[in-house]
Amino acid sequence: FFNDTATTEIYTLSLSFICKMKKHPNYFVKVLISSPCSASVIIQYGIKSWPIWECEPSKFQWNYDDKEICLIIEGQATISTQNGDIYVIKAGDLVEFPPGLNCEWEVTKSIKKHYRLGS
């Protein structure tokens, strides 16, 4: 099928990568944090008009079907993803959770956030 060793090796590596991605679909799913979020961004996107979500200290699993952007108003949480990434989010952080993210939330200090779902 392939006429040289280099092409065969690239094809093999590509297939290996595709198989890895099918087994671990969240391999490249990353949480983005902007800290601290600037006042100009808060005004530009109307973040203070977004709904508010609150949670007492607790630990739970969460799956993001849609993208979520949120501004942490109060508190702190540790987010652990299935691929081993750990993020600490706190008051003042603007956080983007990508669609498809499966994670565990550990709310360490009662948290309050403005949030928006979807694109």
PDB file of N, CA and C in Angstrom:
ATOM      1  N   PHE A   1       0.832  -1.191   0.000  1.00  0.00           N
ATOM      2  CA  PHE A   1       0.000   0.000   0.000  1.00  0.00           C
ATOM      3  C   PHE A   1       0.874   1.251   0.000  1.00  0.00           C
ATOM      4  N   PHE A   2       1.825   1.352   0.932  1.00  0.00           N
ATOM      5  CA  PHE A   2       2.760   2.477   0.945  1.00  0.00           C
ATOM      6  C   PHE A   2       4.074   2.027   0.334  1.00  0.00           C
ATOM      7  N   ASN A   3       4.751   2.948  -0.341  1.00  0.00           N
ATOM      8  CA  ASN A   3       5.957   2.563  -1.055  1.00  0.00           C
ATOM      9  C   ASN A   3       7.259   2.924  -0.341  1.00  0.00           C
ATOM     10  N   ASP A   4       7.182   3.544   0.840  1.00  0.00           N
ATOM     11  CA  ASP A   4       8.431   3.808   1.556  1.00  0.00           C
ATOM     12  C   ASP A   4       8.216   3.706   3.060  1.00  0.00           C
ATOM     13  N   THR A   5       9.289   3.495   3.784  1.00  0.00           N
ATOM     14  CA  THR A   5       9.245   3.282   5.228  1.00  0.00           C
ATOM     15  C   THR A   5       8.738   4.507   5.971  1.00  0.00           C
ATOM     16  N   ALA A   6       9.174   5.705   5.572  1.00  0.00           N
ATOM     17  CA  ALA A   6       8.769   6.934   6.263  1.00  0.00           C
ATOM     18  C   ALA A   6       7.256   7.129   6.193  1.00  0.00           C
ATOM     19  N   THR A   7       6.676   6.911   5.027  1.00  0.00           N
ATOM     20  CA  THR A   7       5.227   7.062   4.872  1.00  0.00           C
ATOM     21  C   THR A   7       4.493   6.027   5.717  1.00  0.00           C
ATOM     22  N   THR A   8       4.997   4.804   5.736  1.00  0.00           N
ATOM     23  CA  THR A   8       4.387   3.740   6.540  1.00  0.00           C
ATOM     24  C   THR A   8       4.431   4.101   8.023  1.00  0.00           C
ATOM     25  N   GLU A   9       5.562   4.658   8.492  1.00  0.00           N
ATOM     26  CA  GLU A   9       5.686   5.052   9.898  1.00  0.00           C
ATOM     27  C   GLU A   9       4.725   6.190  10.246  1.00  0.00           C
ATOM     28  N   ILE A  10       4.588   7.162   9.372  1.00  0.00           N
ATOM     29  CA  ILE A  10       3.651   8.270   9.614  1.00  0.00           C
ATOM     30  C   ILE A  10       2.229   7.741   9.683  1.00  0.00           C
ATOM     31  N   TYR A  11       1.871   6.847   8.761  1.00  0.00           N
ATOM     32  CA  TYR A  11       0.536   6.258   8.750  1.00  0.00           C
ATOM     33  C   TYR A  11       0.281   5.500  10.054  1.00  0.00           C
ATOM     34  N   THR A  12       1.261   4.724  10.497  1.00  0.00           N
ATOM     35  CA  THR A  12       1.137   3.943  11.733  1.00  0.00           C
ATOM     36  C   THR A  12       0.969   4.870  12.939  1.00  0.00           C
ATOM     37  N   LEU A  13       1.777   5.942  13.006  1.00  0.00           N
ATOM     38  CA  LEU A  13       1.652   6.905  14.099  1.00  0.00           C
ATOM     39  C   LEU A  13       0.295   7.590  14.079  1.00  0.00           C
ATOM     40  N   SER A  14      -0.198   7.923  12.892  1.00  0.00           N
ATOM     41  CA  SER A  14      -1.507   8.574  12.765  1.00  0.00           C
ATOM     42  C   SER A  14      -2.617   7.662  13.259  1.00  0.00           C
ATOM     43  N   LEU A  15      -2.553   6.383  12.865  1.00  0.00           N
ATOM     44  CA  LEU A  15      -3.564   5.433  13.330  1.00  0.00           C
ATOM     45  C   LEU A  15      -3.492   5.266  14.839  1.00  0.00           C
ATOM     46  N   SER A  16      -2.274   5.209  15.386  1.00  0.00           N
ATOM     47  CA  SER A  16      -2.102   5.095  16.828  1.00  0.00           C
ATOM     48  C   SER A  16      -2.728   6.296  17.543  1.00  0.00           C
ATOM     49  N   PHE A  17      -2.502   7.500  17.007  1.00  0.00           N
ATOM     50  CA  PHE A  17      -3.054   8.724  17.586  1.00  0.00           C
ATOM     51  C   PHE A  17      -4.583   8.712  17.527  1.00  0.00           C
ATOM     52  N   ILE A  18      -5.145   8.299  16.386  1.00  0.00           N
ATOM     53  CA  ILE A  18      -6.603   8.238  16.233  1.00  0.00           C
ATOM     54  C   ILE A  18      -7.195   7.255  17.238  1.00  0.00           C
ATOM     55  N   CYS A  19      -6.562   6.108  17.410  1.00  0.00           N
ATOM     56  CA  CYS A  19      -7.048   5.120  18.384  1.00  0.00           C
ATOM     57  C   CYS A  19      -6.985   5.692  19.798  1.00  0.00           C
ATOM     58  N   LYS A  20      -5.891   6.397  20.120  1.00  0.00           N
ATOM     59  CA  LYS A  20      -5.764   7.007  21.444  1.00  0.00           C
ATOM     60  C   LYS A  20      -6.871   8.030  21.662  1.00  0.00           C
ATOM     61  N   MET A  21      -7.170   8.832  20.635  1.00  0.00           N
ATOM     62  CA  MET A  21      -8.211   9.852  20.746  1.00  0.00           C
ATOM     63  C   MET A  21      -9.585   9.205  20.966  1.00  0.00           C
ATOM     64  N   LYS A  22      -9.849   8.062  20.325  1.00  0.00           N
ATOM     65  CA  LYS A  22     -11.133   7.386  20.508  1.00  0.00           C
ATOM     66  C   LYS A  22     -11.259   6.825  21.928  1.00  0.00           C
ATOM     67  N   LYS A  23     -10.142   6.359  22.497  1.00  0.00           N
ATOM     68  CA  LYS A  23     -10.164   5.828  23.851  1.00  0.00           C
ATOM     69  C   LYS A  23     -10.214   6.943  24.889  1.00  0.00           C
ATOM     70  N   HIS A  24      -9.630   8.099  24.569  1.00  0.00           N
ATOM     71  CA  HIS A  24      -9.546   9.235  25.488  1.00  0.00           C
ATOM     72  C   HIS A  24     -10.010  10.498  24.772  1.00  0.00           C
ATOM     73  N   PRO A  25     -11.320  10.646  24.529  1.00  0.00           N
ATOM     74  CA  PRO A  25     -11.807  11.780  23.745  1.00  0.00           C
ATOM     75  C   PRO A  25     -11.526  13.139  24.378  1.00  0.00           C
ATOM     76  N   ASN A  26     -11.229  13.192  25.669  1.00  0.00           N
ATOM     77  CA  ASN A  26     -10.963  14.478  26.325  1.00  0.00           C
ATOM     78  C   ASN A  26      -9.468  14.784  26.398  1.00  0.00           C
ATOM     79  N   TYR A  27      -8.670  14.091  25.596  1.00  0.00           N
ATOM     80  CA  TYR A  27      -7.217  14.221  25.661  1.00  0.00           C
ATOM     81  C   TYR A  27      -6.750  15.666  25.522  1.00  0.00           C
ATOM     82  N   PHE A  28      -7.389  16.437  24.625  1.00  0.00           N
ATOM     83  CA  PHE A  28      -6.976  17.818  24.396  1.00  0.00           C
ATOM     84  C   PHE A  28      -7.961  18.834  24.942  1.00  0.00           C
ATOM     85  N   VAL A  29      -8.913  18.404  25.753  1.00  0.00           N
ATOM     86  CA  VAL A  29      -9.902  19.314  26.321  1.00  0.00           C
ATOM     87  C   VAL A  29      -9.255  20.037  27.500  1.00  0.00           C
ATOM     88  N   LYS A  30      -9.192  21.366  27.408  1.00  0.00           N
ATOM     89  CA  LYS A  30      -8.530  22.160  28.440  1.00  0.00           C
ATOM     90  C   LYS A  30      -9.476  23.228  28.977  1.00  0.00           C
ATOM     91  N   VAL A  31      -9.324  23.523  30.248  1.00  0.00           N
ATOM     92  CA  VAL A  31     -10.044  24.620  30.897  1.00  0.00           C
ATOM     93  C   VAL A  31      -9.168  25.861  30.749  1.00  0.00           C
ATOM     94  N   LEU A  32      -9.772  26.974  30.327  1.00  0.00           N
ATOM     95  CA  LEU A  32      -9.031  28.224  30.168  1.00  0.00           C
ATOM     96  C   LEU A  32      -9.377  29.164  31.312  1.00  0.00           C
ATOM     97  N   ILE A  33      -8.352  29.742  31.935  1.00  0.00           N
ATOM     98  CA  ILE A  33      -8.572  30.645  33.065  1.00  0.00           C
ATOM     99  C   ILE A  33      -7.854  31.957  32.793  1.00  0.00           C
ATOM    100  N   SER A  34      -8.604  33.052  32.929  1.00  0.00           N
ATOM    101  CA  SER A  34      -8.024  34.387  32.840  1.00  0.00           C
ATOM    102  C   SER A  34      -8.134  35.000  34.225  1.00  0.00           C
ATOM    103  N   SER A  35      -6.973  35.300  34.825  1.00  0.00           N
ATOM    104  CA  SER A  35      -6.977  35.760  36.210  1.00  0.00           C
ATOM    105  C   SER A  35      -6.024  36.929  36.405  1.00  0.00           C
ATOM    106  N   PRO A  36      -6.508  38.008  36.950  1.00  0.00           N
ATOM    107  CA  PRO A  36      -7.923  38.305  37.219  1.00  0.00           C
ATOM    108  C   PRO A  36      -8.616  38.786  35.947  1.00  0.00           C
ATOM    109  N   CYS A  37      -9.916  38.649  35.920  1.00  0.00           N
ATOM    110  CA  CYS A  37     -10.711  39.135  34.793  1.00  0.00           C
ATOM    111  C   CYS A  37     -10.786  40.660  34.883  1.00  0.00           C
ATOM    112  N   SER A  38     -10.529  41.317  33.779  1.00  0.00           N
ATOM    113  CA  SER A  38     -10.523  42.789  33.790  1.00  0.00           C
ATOM    114  C   SER A  38     -11.941  43.355  33.793  1.00  0.00           C
ATOM    115  N   ALA A  39     -12.069  44.543  34.360  1.00  0.00           N
ATOM    116  CA  ALA A  39     -13.358  45.240  34.397  1.00  0.00           C
ATOM    117  C   ALA A  39     -13.871  45.488  32.986  1.00  0.00           C
ATOM    118  N   SER A  40     -12.966  45.758  32.044  1.00  0.00           N
ATOM    119  CA  SER A  40     -13.409  46.030  30.664  1.00  0.00           C
ATOM    120  C   SER A  40     -14.049  44.790  30.037  1.00  0.00           C
ATOM    121  N   VAL A  41     -13.549  43.592  30.341  1.00  0.00           N
ATOM    122  CA  VAL A  41     -14.150  42.356  29.825  1.00  0.00           C
ATOM    123  C   VAL A  41     -15.520  42.144  30.456  1.00  0.00           C
ATOM    124  N   ILE A  42     -15.629  42.396  31.754  1.00  0.00           N
ATOM    125  CA  ILE A  42     -16.910  42.244  32.458  1.00  0.00           C
ATOM    126  C   ILE A  42     -17.964  43.151  31.830  1.00  0.00           C
ATOM    127  N   ILE A  43     -17.584  44.378  31.530  1.00  0.00           N
ATOM    128  CA  ILE A  43     -18.517  45.332  30.903  1.00  0.00           C
ATOM    129  C   ILE A  43     -18.804  44.936  29.455  1.00  0.00           C
ATOM    130  N   GLN A  44     -17.758  44.607  28.693  1.00  0.00           N
ATOM    131  CA  GLN A  44     -17.899  44.273  27.270  1.00  0.00           C
ATOM    132  C   GLN A  44     -18.887  43.132  27.040  1.00  0.00           C
ATOM    133  N   TYR A  45     -18.841  42.099  27.872  1.00  0.00           N
ATOM    134  CA  TYR A  45     -19.692  40.928  27.687  1.00  0.00           C
ATOM    135  C   TYR A  45     -20.945  40.941  28.560  1.00  0.00           C
ATOM    136  N   GLY A  46     -21.134  41.995  29.340  1.00  0.00           N
ATOM    137  CA  GLY A  46     -22.324  42.085  30.177  1.00  0.00           C
ATOM    138  C   GLY A  46     -22.405  40.981  31.212  1.00  0.00           C
ATOM    139  N   ILE A  47     -21.266  40.590  31.744  1.00  0.00           N
ATOM    140  CA  ILE A  47     -21.187  39.429  32.634  1.00  0.00           C
ATOM    141  C   ILE A  47     -22.066  39.587  33.874  1.00  0.00           C
ATOM    142  N   LYS A  48     -22.194  40.803  34.389  1.00  0.00           N
ATOM    143  CA  LYS A  48     -22.994  40.997  35.607  1.00  0.00           C
ATOM    144  C   LYS A  48     -24.480  40.757  35.384  1.00  0.00           C
ATOM    145  N   SER A  49     -24.903  40.662  34.114  1.00  0.00           N
ATOM    146  CA  SER A  49     -26.317  40.363  33.824  1.00  0.00           C
ATOM    147  C   SER A  49     -26.556  38.860  33.629  1.00  0.00           C
ATOM    148  N   TRP A  50     -25.488  38.056  33.629  1.00  0.00           N
ATOM    149  CA  TRP A  50     -25.630  36.612  33.472  1.00  0.00           C
ATOM    150  C   TRP A  50     -26.228  36.013  34.743  1.00  0.00           C
ATOM    151  N   PRO A  51     -26.859  34.838  34.621  1.00  0.00           N
ATOM    152  CA  PRO A  51     -27.401  34.164  35.817  1.00  0.00           C
ATOM    153  C   PRO A  51     -26.297  33.870  36.836  1.00  0.00           C
ATOM    154  N   ILE A  52     -26.720  33.640  38.075  1.00  0.00           N
ATOM    155  CA  ILE A  52     -25.789  33.319  39.159  1.00  0.00           C
ATOM    156  C   ILE A  52     -26.046  31.892  39.642  1.00  0.00           C
ATOM    157  N   TRP A  53     -24.966  31.178  39.906  1.00  0.00           N
ATOM    158  CA  TRP A  53     -25.018  29.832  40.483  1.00  0.00           C
ATOM    159  C   TRP A  53     -24.185  29.855  41.748  1.00  0.00           C
ATOM    160  N   GLU A  54     -24.688  29.187  42.794  1.00  0.00           N
ATOM    161  CA  GLU A  54     -23.977  29.120  44.074  1.00  0.00           C
ATOM    162  C   GLU A  54     -23.898  27.678  44.551  1.00  0.00           C
ATOM    163  N   CYS A  55     -22.834  27.373  45.292  1.00  0.00           N
ATOM    164  CA  CYS A  55     -22.675  26.018  45.821  1.00  0.00           C
ATOM    165  C   CYS A  55     -21.854  26.063  47.107  1.00  0.00           C
ATOM    166  N   GLU A  56     -22.303  25.328  48.097  1.00  0.00           N
ATOM    167  CA  GLU A  56     -21.579  25.179  49.366  1.00  0.00           C
ATOM    168  C   GLU A  56     -20.427  24.194  49.160  1.00  0.00           C
ATOM    169  N   PRO A  57     -19.474  24.141  50.087  1.00  0.00           N
ATOM    170  CA  PRO A  57     -18.387  23.160  49.961  1.00  0.00           C
ATOM    171  C   PRO A  57     -18.935  21.747  49.758  1.00  0.00           C
ATOM    172  N   SER A  58     -18.433  21.103  48.711  1.00  0.00           N
ATOM    173  CA  SER A  58     -18.894  19.763  48.344  1.00  0.00           C
ATOM    174  C   SER A  58     -17.994  19.214  47.247  1.00  0.00           C
ATOM    175  N   LYS A  59     -18.237  17.955  46.887  1.00  0.00           N
ATOM    176  CA  LYS A  59     -17.486  17.302  45.818  1.00  0.00           C
ATOM    177  C   LYS A  59     -18.494  16.572  44.934  1.00  0.00           C
ATOM    178  N   PHE A  60     -18.384  16.764  43.600  1.00  0.00           N
ATOM    179  CA  PHE A  60     -19.326  16.131  42.678  1.00  0.00           C
ATOM    180  C   PHE A  60     -18.717  16.020  41.281  1.00  0.00           C
ATOM    181  N   GLN A  61     -19.251  15.084  40.505  1.00  0.00           N
ATOM    182  CA  GLN A  61     -18.861  14.895  39.109  1.00  0.00           C
ATOM    183  C   GLN A  61     -19.702  15.820  38.226  1.00  0.00           C
ATOM    184  N   TRP A  62     -19.103  16.315  37.135  1.00  0.00           N
ATOM    185  CA  TRP A  62     -19.850  17.176  36.220  1.00  0.00           C
ATOM    186  C   TRP A  62     -19.402  16.934  34.792  1.00  0.00           C
ATOM    187  N   ASN A  63     -20.357  16.963  33.861  1.00  0.00           N
ATOM    188  CA  ASN A  63     -20.087  16.806  32.435  1.00  0.00           C
ATOM    189  C   ASN A  63     -20.617  18.046  31.718  1.00  0.00           C
ATOM    190  N   TYR A  64     -19.773  18.682  30.930  1.00  0.00           N
ATOM    191  CA  TYR A  64     -20.168  19.868  30.170  1.00  0.00           C
ATOM    192  C   TYR A  64     -20.595  19.462  28.767  1.00  0.00           C
ATOM    193  N   ASP A  65     -21.910  19.499  28.506  1.00  0.00           N
ATOM    194  CA  ASP A  65     -22.419  19.210  27.167  1.00  0.00           C
ATOM    195  C   ASP A  65     -22.170  20.394  26.242  1.00  0.00           C
ATOM    196  N   ASP A  66     -22.243  21.609  26.796  1.00  0.00           N
ATOM    197  CA  ASP A  66     -22.005  22.850  26.058  1.00  0.00           C
ATOM    198  C   ASP A  66     -20.840  23.589  26.697  1.00  0.00           C
ATOM    199  N   LYS A  67     -20.304  24.547  25.968  1.00  0.00           N
ATOM    200  CA  LYS A  67     -19.283  25.413  26.536  1.00  0.00           C
ATOM    201  C   LYS A  67     -19.921  26.256  27.636  1.00  0.00           C
ATOM    202  N   GLU A  68     -19.170  26.494  28.697  1.00  0.00           N
ATOM    203  CA  GLU A  68     -19.614  27.411  29.755  1.00  0.00           C
ATOM    204  C   GLU A  68     -18.499  28.414  30.016  1.00  0.00           C
ATOM    205  N   ILE A  69     -18.884  29.673  30.089  1.00  0.00           N
ATOM    206  CA  ILE A  69     -17.966  30.719  30.528  1.00  0.00           C
ATOM    207  C   ILE A  69     -18.528  31.250  31.830  1.00  0.00           C
ATOM    208  N   CYS A  70     -17.668  31.416  32.820  1.00  0.00           N
ATOM    209  CA  CYS A  70     -18.154  31.921  34.098  1.00  0.00           C
ATOM    210  C   CYS A  70     -17.135  32.854  34.747  1.00  0.00           C
ATOM    211  N   LEU A  71     -17.654  33.752  35.552  1.00  0.00           N
ATOM    212  CA  LEU A  71     -16.836  34.643  36.359  1.00  0.00           C
ATOM    213  C   LEU A  71     -17.042  34.249  37.807  1.00  0.00           C
ATOM    214  N   ILE A  72     -15.984  33.841  38.465  1.00  0.00           N
ATOM    215  CA  ILE A  72     -16.088  33.461  39.868  1.00  0.00           C
ATOM    216  C   ILE A  72     -16.155  34.734  40.697  1.00  0.00           C
ATOM    217  N   ILE A  73     -17.258  34.917  41.419  1.00  0.00           N
ATOM    218  CA  ILE A  73     -17.484  36.118  42.224  1.00  0.00           C
ATOM    219  C   ILE A  73     -16.929  35.928  43.633  1.00  0.00           C
ATOM    220  N   GLU A  74     -17.173  34.748  44.182  1.00  0.00           N
ATOM    221  CA  GLU A  74     -16.723  34.418  45.543  1.00  0.00           C
ATOM    222  C   GLU A  74     -16.302  32.963  45.577  1.00  0.00           C
ATOM    223  N   GLY A  75     -15.398  32.649  46.523  1.00  0.00           N
ATOM    224  CA  GLY A  75     -15.072  31.262  46.811  1.00  0.00           C
ATOM    225  C   GLY A  75     -13.932  30.681  46.003  1.00  0.00           C
ATOM    226  N   GLN A  76     -13.850  29.358  46.080  1.00  0.00           N
ATOM    227  CA  GLN A  76     -12.754  28.634  45.436  1.00  0.00           C
ATOM    228  C   GLN A  76     -13.161  27.185  45.196  1.00  0.00           C
ATOM    229  N   ALA A  77     -12.632  26.602  44.121  1.00  0.00           N
ATOM    230  CA  ALA A  77     -12.880  25.191  43.816  1.00  0.00           C
ATOM    231  C   ALA A  77     -11.685  24.620  43.084  1.00  0.00           C
ATOM    232  N   THR A  78     -11.528  23.314  43.207  1.00  0.00           N
ATOM    233  CA  THR A  78     -10.515  22.580  42.457  1.00  0.00           C
ATOM    234  C   THR A  78     -11.239  21.709  41.449  1.00  0.00           C
ATOM    235  N   ILE A  79     -10.840  21.823  40.187  1.00  0.00           N
ATOM    236  CA  ILE A  79     -11.450  21.057  39.111  1.00  0.00           C
ATOM    237  C   ILE A  79     -10.423  20.030  38.650  1.00  0.00           C
ATOM    238  N   SER A  80     -10.783  18.745  38.701  1.00  0.00           N
ATOM    239  CA  SER A  80      -9.899  17.666  38.254  1.00  0.00           C
ATOM    240  C   SER A  80     -10.514  17.004  37.030  1.00  0.00           C
ATOM    241  N   THR A  81      -9.756  16.966  35.919  1.00  0.00           N
ATOM    242  CA  THR A  81     -10.274  16.385  34.684  1.00  0.00           C
ATOM    243  C   THR A  81      -9.902  14.917  34.580  1.00  0.00           C
ATOM    244  N   GLN A  82     -10.565  14.222  33.659  1.00  0.00           N
ATOM    245  CA  GLN A  82     -10.293  12.797  33.462  1.00  0.00           C
ATOM    246  C   GLN A  82      -8.885  12.534  32.961  1.00  0.00           C
ATOM    247  N   ASN A  83      -8.269  13.514  32.299  1.00  0.00           N
ATOM    248  CA  ASN A  83      -6.910  13.282  31.792  1.00  0.00           C
ATOM    249  C   ASN A  83      -5.847  13.720  32.787  1.00  0.00           C
ATOM    250  N   GLY A  84      -6.258  14.029  34.037  1.00  0.00           N
ATOM    251  CA  GLY A  84      -5.299  14.305  35.094  1.00  0.00           C
ATOM    252  C   GLY A  84      -4.958  15.770  35.330  1.00  0.00           C
ATOM    253  N   ASP A  85      -5.528  16.673  34.538  1.00  0.00           N
ATOM    254  CA  ASP A  85      -5.274  18.094  34.763  1.00  0.00           C
ATOM    255  C   ASP A  85      -6.041  18.563  35.998  1.00  0.00           C
ATOM    256  N   ILE A  86      -5.416  19.443  36.775  1.00  0.00           N
ATOM    257  CA  ILE A  86      -6.041  19.998  37.977  1.00  0.00           C
ATOM    258  C   ILE A  86      -5.976  21.517  37.879  1.00  0.00           C
ATOM    259  N   TYR A  87      -7.135  22.146  38.074  1.00  0.00           N
ATOM    260  CA  TYR A  87      -7.241  23.604  38.015  1.00  0.00           C
ATOM    261  C   TYR A  87      -7.837  24.113  39.316  1.00  0.00           C
ATOM    262  N   VAL A  88      -7.260  25.164  39.854  1.00  0.00           N
ATOM    263  CA  VAL A  88      -7.834  25.829  41.020  1.00  0.00           C
ATOM    264  C   VAL A  88      -8.422  27.144  40.520  1.00  0.00           C
ATOM    265  N   ILE A  89      -9.723  27.326  40.756  1.00  0.00           N
ATOM    266  CA  ILE A  89     -10.389  28.561  40.345  1.00  0.00           C
ATOM    267  C   ILE A  89     -10.842  29.304  41.589  1.00  0.00           C
ATOM    268  N   LYS A  90     -10.780  30.640  41.499  1.00  0.00           N
ATOM    269  CA  LYS A  90     -11.078  31.455  42.687  1.00  0.00           C
ATOM    270  C   LYS A  90     -11.715  32.768  42.261  1.00  0.00           C
ATOM    271  N   ALA A  91     -12.164  33.537  43.264  1.00  0.00           N
ATOM    272  CA  ALA A  91     -12.798  34.828  43.009  1.00  0.00           C
ATOM    273  C   ALA A  91     -11.924  35.671  42.091  1.00  0.00           C
ATOM    274  N   GLY A  92     -12.563  36.257  41.069  1.00  0.00           N
ATOM    275  CA  GLY A  92     -11.873  37.107  40.114  1.00  0.00           C
ATOM    276  C   GLY A  92     -11.484  36.396  38.827  1.00  0.00           C
ATOM    277  N   ASP A  93     -11.550  35.067  38.803  1.00  0.00           N
ATOM    278  CA  ASP A  93     -11.179  34.304  37.613  1.00  0.00           C
ATOM    279  C   ASP A  93     -12.319  34.256  36.603  1.00  0.00           C
ATOM    280  N   LEU A  94     -11.977  34.428  35.327  1.00  0.00           N
ATOM    281  CA  LEU A  94     -12.891  34.168  34.227  1.00  0.00           C
ATOM    282  C   LEU A  94     -12.492  32.803  33.693  1.00  0.00           C
ATOM    283  N   VAL A  95     -13.433  31.868  33.677  1.00  0.00           N
ATOM    284  CA  VAL A  95     -13.120  30.475  33.361  1.00  0.00           C
ATOM    285  C   VAL A  95     -13.966  30.018  32.184  1.00  0.00           C
ATOM    286  N   GLU A  96     -13.330  29.305  31.249  1.00  0.00           N
ATOM    287  CA  GLU A  96     -14.055  28.709  30.129  1.00  0.00           C
ATOM    288  C   GLU A  96     -13.915  27.201  30.204  1.00  0.00           C
ATOM    289  N   PHE A  97     -15.080  26.523  30.342  1.00  0.00           N
ATOM    290  CA  PHE A  97     -15.130  25.066  30.342  1.00  0.00           C
ATOM    291  C   PHE A  97     -15.583  24.623  28.957  1.00  0.00           C
ATOM    292  N   PRO A  98     -14.789  23.809  28.252  1.00  0.00           N
ATOM    293  CA  PRO A  98     -15.153  23.412  26.892  1.00  0.00           C
ATOM    294  C   PRO A  98     -16.216  22.319  26.871  1.00  0.00           C
ATOM    295  N   PRO A  99     -16.975  22.240  25.765  1.00  0.00           N
ATOM    296  CA  PRO A  99     -17.946  21.149  25.646  1.00  0.00           C
ATOM    297  C   PRO A  99     -17.199  19.809  25.629  1.00  0.00           C
ATOM    298  N   GLY A 100     -17.812  18.810  26.236  1.00  0.00           N
ATOM    299  CA  GLY A 100     -17.213  17.482  26.272  1.00  0.00           C
ATOM    300  C   GLY A 100     -16.345  17.232  27.485  1.00  0.00           C
ATOM    301  N   LEU A 101     -16.150  18.246  28.322  1.00  0.00           N
ATOM    302  CA  LEU A 101     -15.306  18.080  29.509  1.00  0.00           C
ATOM    303  C   LEU A 101     -16.049  17.277  30.570  1.00  0.00           C
ATOM    304  N   ASN A 102     -15.395  16.230  31.057  1.00  0.00           N
ATOM    305  CA  ASN A 102     -15.880  15.464  32.206  1.00  0.00           C
ATOM    306  C   ASN A 102     -14.901  15.726  33.335  1.00  0.00           C
ATOM    307  N   CYS A 103     -15.422  16.123  34.487  1.00  0.00           N
ATOM    308  CA  CYS A 103     -14.513  16.502  35.567  1.00  0.00           C
ATOM    309  C   CYS A 103     -15.159  16.286  36.928  1.00  0.00           C
ATOM    310  N   GLU A 104     -14.329  16.490  37.944  1.00  0.00           N
ATOM    311  CA  GLU A 104     -14.804  16.467  39.321  1.00  0.00           C
ATOM    312  C   GLU A 104     -14.584  17.852  39.912  1.00  0.00           C
ATOM    313  N   TRP A 105     -15.630  18.401  40.482  1.00  0.00           N
ATOM    314  CA  TRP A 105     -15.553  19.672  41.203  1.00  0.00           C
ATOM    315  C   TRP A 105     -15.370  19.365  42.681  1.00  0.00           C
ATOM    316  N   GLU A 106     -14.433  20.060  43.314  1.00  0.00           N
ATOM    317  CA  GLU A 106     -14.338  20.061  44.765  1.00  0.00           C
ATOM    318  C   GLU A 106     -14.406  21.524  45.202  1.00  0.00           C
ATOM    319  N   VAL A 107     -15.567  21.903  45.679  1.00  0.00           N
ATOM    320  CA  VAL A 107     -15.763  23.278  46.143  1.00  0.00           C
ATOM    321  C   VAL A 107     -15.174  23.350  47.543  1.00  0.00           C
ATOM    322  N   THR A 108     -14.075  24.108  47.686  1.00  0.00           N
ATOM    323  CA  THR A 108     -13.373  24.182  48.964  1.00  0.00           C
ATOM    324  C   THR A 108     -13.816  25.374  49.813  1.00  0.00           C
ATOM    325  N   LYS A 109     -14.299  26.431  49.160  1.00  0.00           N
ATOM    326  CA  LYS A 109     -14.898  27.590  49.831  1.00  0.00           C
ATOM    327  C   LYS A 109     -16.171  27.912  49.071  1.00  0.00           C
ATOM    328  N   SER A 110     -17.272  28.120  49.783  1.00  0.00           N
ATOM    329  CA  SER A 110     -18.556  28.380  49.121  1.00  0.00           C
ATOM    330  C   SER A 110     -18.342  29.269  47.896  1.00  0.00           C
ATOM    331  N   ILE A 111     -18.900  28.813  46.771  1.00  0.00           N
ATOM    332  CA  ILE A 111     -18.624  29.493  45.499  1.00  0.00           C
ATOM    333  C   ILE A 111     -19.883  30.145  44.940  1.00  0.00           C
ATOM    334  N   LYS A 112     -19.655  31.260  44.280  1.00  0.00           N
ATOM    335  CA  LYS A 112     -20.730  32.002  43.623  1.00  0.00           C
ATOM    336  C   LYS A 112     -20.163  32.474  42.295  1.00  0.00           C
ATOM    337  N   LYS A 113     -20.914  32.242  41.211  1.00  0.00           N
ATOM    338  CA  LYS A 113     -20.403  32.623  39.895  1.00  0.00           C
ATOM    339  C   LYS A 113     -21.524  33.117  38.985  1.00  0.00           C
ATOM    340  N   HIS A 114     -21.174  34.050  38.092  1.00  0.00           N
ATOM    341  CA  HIS A 114     -22.010  34.380  36.944  1.00  0.00           C
ATOM    342  C   HIS A 114     -21.631  33.382  35.864  1.00  0.00           C
ATOM    343  N   TYR A 115     -22.603  32.898  35.075  1.00  0.00           N
ATOM    344  CA  TYR A 115     -22.272  31.923  34.050  1.00  0.00           C
ATOM    345  C   TYR A 115     -23.101  32.128  32.788  1.00  0.00           C
ATOM    346  N   ARG A 116     -22.543  31.651  31.678  1.00  0.00           N
ATOM    347  CA  ARG A 116     -23.248  31.657  30.397  1.00  0.00           C
ATOM    348  C   ARG A 116     -22.933  30.332  29.698  1.00  0.00           C
ATOM    349  N   LEU A 117     -23.980  29.678  29.212  1.00  0.00           N
ATOM    350  CA  LEU A 117     -23.820  28.406  28.490  1.00  0.00           C
ATOM    351  C   LEU A 117     -23.912  28.637  26.989  1.00  0.00           C
ATOM    352  N   GLY A 118     -23.196  27.813  26.239  1.00  0.00           N
ATOM    353  CA  GLY A 118     -23.232  27.885  24.772  1.00  0.00           C
ATOM    354  C   GLY A 118     -22.168  28.807  24.221  1.00  0.00           C
ATOM    355  N   SER A 119     -22.226  28.982  22.912  1.00  0.00           N
ATOM    356  CA  SER A 119     -21.183  29.773  22.218  1.00  0.00           C
ATOM    357  C   SER A 119     -21.300  31.258  22.445  1.00  0.00           C
TER     358      SER A 119
END
